[in-house]
Amino acid sequence: MVFSNDLDVEVYENYGRIKVKSASEKRILKKVYVKVYGKVNGKAVFYKDGYTDLRGIFDYATLSSDLLNRVTEYAVLVLSEKYGSKIITVNPPKQ
């Protein structure tokens, strides 16, 4: 699936975070909606959602449950009204 977008998503896999910027303007995007699904036992389950902070960062992995230990892969939807949407897949952070 291909989405028209102007998003640059940097993945910091060791920390379980992404940083969202405008691809053309190279500026940090705050308040961008992010929705995360995790693959657990081969099935996609809702993991968490929220918005990027003032630094354009969203922590996709931290959760106050043991689900992090069971996720084998994440699917991350980044959605902005102005800049479009993008789906990426990332691995869980190494523990």
N, C-alpha and C. Protein backbone atom coordinates (compact mmCIF):
# COMPACT_ATOMS: atom_id res chain seq x y z
N MET A 1 0.84 -1.17 0.00
CA MET A 1 0.00 0.00 0.00
C MET A 1 0.90 1.24 0.00
N VAL A 2 0.58 2.21 -0.84
CA VAL A 2 1.36 3.44 -0.93
C VAL A 2 0.46 4.62 -0.60
N PHE A 3 0.92 5.47 0.28
CA PHE A 3 0.19 6.66 0.67
C PHE A 3 0.94 7.88 0.18
N SER A 4 0.23 8.87 -0.31
CA SER A 4 0.84 10.13 -0.67
C SER A 4 1.12 10.89 0.62
N ASN A 5 2.39 11.25 0.82
CA ASN A 5 2.72 11.94 2.06
C ASN A 5 3.97 12.78 1.90
N ASP A 6 4.18 13.65 2.85
CA ASP A 6 5.38 14.47 2.94
C ASP A 6 5.98 14.25 4.34
N LEU A 7 6.07 12.96 4.74
CA LEU A 7 6.54 12.61 6.07
C LEU A 7 7.90 11.94 6.01
N ASP A 8 8.74 12.28 6.94
CA ASP A 8 10.02 11.61 7.14
C ASP A 8 9.98 11.06 8.56
N VAL A 9 9.96 9.74 8.69
CA VAL A 9 9.86 9.10 9.99
C VAL A 9 11.20 8.42 10.30
N GLU A 10 11.88 8.92 11.32
CA GLU A 10 13.14 8.32 11.78
C GLU A 10 12.81 7.34 12.89
N VAL A 11 13.38 6.15 12.81
CA VAL A 11 13.13 5.12 13.82
C VAL A 11 14.37 4.97 14.70
N TYR A 12 14.15 5.04 16.00
CA TYR A 12 15.18 4.78 16.99
C TYR A 12 14.82 3.46 17.66
N GLU A 13 15.12 2.38 16.95
CA GLU A 13 14.65 1.05 17.35
C GLU A 13 15.17 0.62 18.73
N ASN A 14 16.39 0.98 19.07
CA ASN A 14 16.93 0.59 20.38
C ASN A 14 16.15 1.20 21.53
N TYR A 15 15.50 2.33 21.28
CA TYR A 15 14.74 3.03 22.33
C TYR A 15 13.23 2.87 22.17
N GLY A 16 12.78 2.30 21.06
CA GLY A 16 11.35 2.15 20.83
C GLY A 16 10.66 3.46 20.55
N ARG A 17 11.34 4.35 19.82
CA ARG A 17 10.78 5.67 19.53
C ARG A 17 10.89 6.00 18.05
N ILE A 18 10.00 6.89 17.61
CA ILE A 18 10.09 7.44 16.26
C ILE A 18 10.14 8.96 16.37
N LYS A 19 10.71 9.60 15.36
CA LYS A 19 10.73 11.06 15.26
C LYS A 19 10.12 11.41 13.91
N VAL A 20 9.13 12.30 13.92
CA VAL A 20 8.39 12.65 12.71
C VAL A 20 8.76 14.06 12.27
N LYS A 21 9.13 14.16 10.98
CA LYS A 21 9.47 15.46 10.39
C LYS A 21 8.79 15.58 9.03
N SER A 22 8.71 16.79 8.55
CA SER A 22 8.26 17.05 7.19
C SER A 22 9.42 16.72 6.26
N ALA A 23 9.18 15.91 5.24
CA ALA A 23 10.25 15.51 4.33
C ALA A 23 10.77 16.69 3.51
N SER A 24 9.90 17.57 3.07
CA SER A 24 10.34 18.68 2.22
C SER A 24 10.87 19.86 3.02
N GLU A 25 10.23 20.15 4.15
CA GLU A 25 10.63 21.31 4.95
C GLU A 25 11.67 20.97 6.02
N LYS A 26 11.87 19.68 6.29
CA LYS A 26 12.82 19.21 7.31
C LYS A 26 12.54 19.77 8.69
N ARG A 27 11.26 20.05 8.97
CA ARG A 27 10.96 20.56 10.31
C ARG A 27 10.21 19.52 11.12
N ILE A 28 10.41 19.57 12.41
CA ILE A 28 9.80 18.64 13.35
C ILE A 28 8.29 18.86 13.37
N LEU A 29 7.55 17.76 13.41
CA LEU A 29 6.09 17.84 13.43
C LEU A 29 5.57 17.39 14.79
N LYS A 30 4.96 18.30 15.50
CA LYS A 30 4.36 17.98 16.79
C LYS A 30 2.87 17.73 16.60
N LYS A 31 2.27 17.05 17.56
CA LYS A 31 0.83 16.75 17.56
C LYS A 31 0.39 15.94 16.34
N VAL A 32 1.25 15.04 15.87
CA VAL A 32 0.89 14.13 14.78
C VAL A 32 0.38 12.84 15.41
N TYR A 33 -0.75 12.34 14.93
CA TYR A 33 -1.36 11.14 15.50
C TYR A 33 -0.57 9.89 15.10
N VAL A 34 -0.36 9.00 16.06
CA VAL A 34 0.36 7.75 15.82
C VAL A 34 -0.46 6.61 16.44
N LYS A 35 -0.67 5.55 15.65
CA LYS A 35 -1.41 4.37 16.14
C LYS A 35 -0.52 3.15 15.91
N VAL A 36 -0.40 2.33 16.94
CA VAL A 36 0.54 1.20 16.90
C VAL A 36 -0.20 -0.12 17.13
N TYR A 37 0.09 -1.08 16.26
CA TYR A 37 -0.37 -2.46 16.43
C TYR A 37 0.85 -3.33 16.63
N GLY A 38 0.72 -4.36 17.44
CA GLY A 38 1.80 -5.30 17.66
C GLY A 38 1.41 -6.68 17.16
N LYS A 39 2.40 -7.43 16.69
CA LYS A 39 2.15 -8.80 16.27
C LYS A 39 2.46 -9.70 17.47
N VAL A 40 1.43 -10.35 17.99
CA VAL A 40 1.55 -11.24 19.14
C VAL A 40 1.00 -12.60 18.75
N ASN A 41 1.83 -13.63 18.83
CA ASN A 41 1.42 -14.99 18.44
C ASN A 41 0.85 -15.01 17.02
N GLY A 42 1.46 -14.21 16.13
CA GLY A 42 1.05 -14.19 14.73
C GLY A 42 -0.19 -13.36 14.42
N LYS A 43 -0.78 -12.73 15.44
CA LYS A 43 -1.98 -11.91 15.23
C LYS A 43 -1.69 -10.45 15.55
N ALA A 44 -2.34 -9.56 14.80
CA ALA A 44 -2.20 -8.12 15.05
C ALA A 44 -3.14 -7.71 16.17
N VAL A 45 -2.59 -7.05 17.18
CA VAL A 45 -3.40 -6.55 18.30
C VAL A 45 -3.09 -5.07 18.50
N PHE A 46 -4.14 -4.32 18.86
CA PHE A 46 -3.93 -2.91 19.16
C PHE A 46 -2.95 -2.80 20.31
N TYR A 47 -1.97 -1.90 20.18
CA TYR A 47 -0.94 -1.76 21.20
C TYR A 47 -1.06 -0.44 21.95
N LYS A 48 -1.03 0.67 21.21
CA LYS A 48 -1.19 1.99 21.83
C LYS A 48 -1.36 3.04 20.76
N ASP A 49 -1.81 4.22 21.16
CA ASP A 49 -1.89 5.35 20.24
C ASP A 49 -1.65 6.63 21.02
N GLY A 50 -1.43 7.71 20.28
CA GLY A 50 -1.19 9.00 20.91
C GLY A 50 -0.66 9.98 19.89
N TYR A 51 -0.03 11.03 20.38
CA TYR A 51 0.46 12.10 19.52
C TYR A 51 1.94 12.36 19.77
N THR A 52 2.63 12.83 18.73
CA THR A 52 4.04 13.19 18.91
C THR A 52 4.13 14.38 19.86
N ASP A 53 5.23 14.45 20.60
CA ASP A 53 5.42 15.55 21.55
C ASP A 53 6.01 16.78 20.85
N LEU A 54 6.43 17.76 21.62
CA LEU A 54 6.97 19.00 21.06
C LEU A 54 8.25 18.78 20.27
N ARG A 55 8.92 17.65 20.51
CA ARG A 55 10.15 17.31 19.78
C ARG A 55 9.87 16.46 18.55
N GLY A 56 8.58 16.16 18.32
CA GLY A 56 8.20 15.31 17.20
C GLY A 56 8.40 13.83 17.49
N ILE A 57 8.55 13.47 18.76
CA ILE A 57 8.88 12.10 19.15
C ILE A 57 7.65 11.40 19.74
N PHE A 58 7.54 10.10 19.40
CA PHE A 58 6.50 9.25 19.98
C PHE A 58 7.16 7.95 20.40
N ASP A 59 6.91 7.53 21.63
CA ASP A 59 7.43 6.27 22.16
C ASP A 59 6.42 5.18 21.82
N TYR A 60 6.75 4.33 20.85
CA TYR A 60 5.81 3.31 20.40
C TYR A 60 5.88 2.02 21.22
N ALA A 61 6.88 1.84 22.05
CA ALA A 61 7.07 0.55 22.71
C ALA A 61 6.67 0.52 24.18
N THR A 62 6.91 1.59 24.93
CA THR A 62 6.68 1.57 26.37
C THR A 62 5.20 1.39 26.69
N LEU A 63 4.94 0.46 27.56
CA LEU A 63 3.58 0.15 27.97
C LEU A 63 3.65 -0.42 29.37
N SER A 64 2.66 -0.14 30.18
CA SER A 64 2.69 -0.63 31.56
C SER A 64 2.02 -2.00 31.68
N SER A 65 2.45 -2.91 30.82
CA SER A 65 1.98 -4.30 30.88
C SER A 65 3.10 -5.19 30.34
N ASP A 66 2.88 -6.48 30.34
CA ASP A 66 3.90 -7.40 29.85
C ASP A 66 3.80 -7.64 28.34
N LEU A 67 2.92 -6.92 27.67
CA LEU A 67 2.73 -7.11 26.23
C LEU A 67 4.01 -6.86 25.44
N LEU A 68 4.85 -5.92 25.88
CA LEU A 68 6.11 -5.62 25.19
C LEU A 68 6.94 -6.88 25.02
N ASN A 69 6.96 -7.75 26.00
CA ASN A 69 7.78 -8.97 25.94
C ASN A 69 7.24 -9.99 24.95
N ARG A 70 6.00 -9.84 24.52
CA ARG A 70 5.39 -10.81 23.61
C ARG A 70 5.28 -10.32 22.16
N VAL A 71 5.58 -9.06 21.92
CA VAL A 71 5.47 -8.49 20.56
C VAL A 71 6.69 -8.88 19.74
N THR A 72 6.46 -9.37 18.52
CA THR A 72 7.56 -9.73 17.63
C THR A 72 7.80 -8.67 16.55
N GLU A 73 6.80 -7.82 16.29
CA GLU A 73 6.93 -6.77 15.29
C GLU A 73 5.82 -5.74 15.52
N TYR A 74 6.10 -4.49 15.18
CA TYR A 74 5.12 -3.42 15.29
C TYR A 74 4.76 -2.89 13.91
N ALA A 75 3.50 -2.50 13.75
CA ALA A 75 3.05 -1.74 12.58
C ALA A 75 2.64 -0.37 13.13
N VAL A 76 3.23 0.68 12.59
CA VAL A 76 3.03 2.03 13.11
C VAL A 76 2.41 2.90 12.01
N LEU A 77 1.23 3.44 12.30
CA LEU A 77 0.57 4.38 11.40
C LEU A 77 0.85 5.79 11.89
N VAL A 78 1.39 6.63 11.01
CA VAL A 78 1.64 8.03 11.32
C VAL A 78 0.67 8.83 10.44
N LEU A 79 -0.15 9.68 11.08
CA LEU A 79 -1.24 10.33 10.35
C LEU A 79 -1.27 11.83 10.65
N SER A 80 -1.13 12.64 9.59
CA SER A 80 -1.18 14.09 9.72
C SER A 80 -2.15 14.63 8.69
N GLU A 81 -3.01 15.56 9.12
CA GLU A 81 -3.95 16.17 8.18
C GLU A 81 -3.22 16.90 7.05
N LYS A 82 -2.19 17.61 7.41
CA LYS A 82 -1.47 18.44 6.43
C LYS A 82 -0.44 17.65 5.61
N TYR A 83 0.23 16.67 6.24
CA TYR A 83 1.36 16.01 5.59
C TYR A 83 1.08 14.58 5.12
N GLY A 84 -0.12 14.10 5.31
CA GLY A 84 -0.48 12.76 4.83
C GLY A 84 -0.25 11.68 5.87
N SER A 85 -0.16 10.43 5.39
CA SER A 85 0.00 9.31 6.31
C SER A 85 1.05 8.34 5.79
N LYS A 86 1.56 7.54 6.72
CA LYS A 86 2.62 6.58 6.39
C LYS A 86 2.51 5.42 7.37
N ILE A 87 2.71 4.21 6.85
CA ILE A 87 2.75 3.02 7.70
C ILE A 87 4.15 2.43 7.61
N ILE A 88 4.74 2.15 8.77
CA ILE A 88 6.05 1.51 8.81
C ILE A 88 5.97 0.29 9.72
N THR A 89 6.86 -0.66 9.51
CA THR A 89 6.98 -1.79 10.42
C THR A 89 8.35 -1.70 11.09
N VAL A 90 8.36 -1.97 12.38
CA VAL A 90 9.60 -1.89 13.16
C VAL A 90 9.67 -3.06 14.13
N ASN A 91 10.88 -3.38 14.52
CA ASN A 91 11.10 -4.44 15.50
C ASN A 91 11.01 -3.88 16.91
N PRO A 92 10.71 -4.74 17.87
CA PRO A 92 10.71 -4.27 19.25
C PRO A 92 12.13 -3.91 19.70
N PRO A 93 12.25 -3.01 20.67
CA PRO A 93 13.58 -2.66 21.16
C PRO A 93 14.25 -3.86 21.83
N LYS A 94 15.56 -3.91 21.70
CA LYS A 94 16.31 -4.99 22.36
C LYS A 94 16.34 -4.74 23.85
N GLN A 95 16.13 -5.79 24.62
CA GLN A 95 16.08 -5.61 26.08
C GLN A 95 17.28 -6.24 26.74
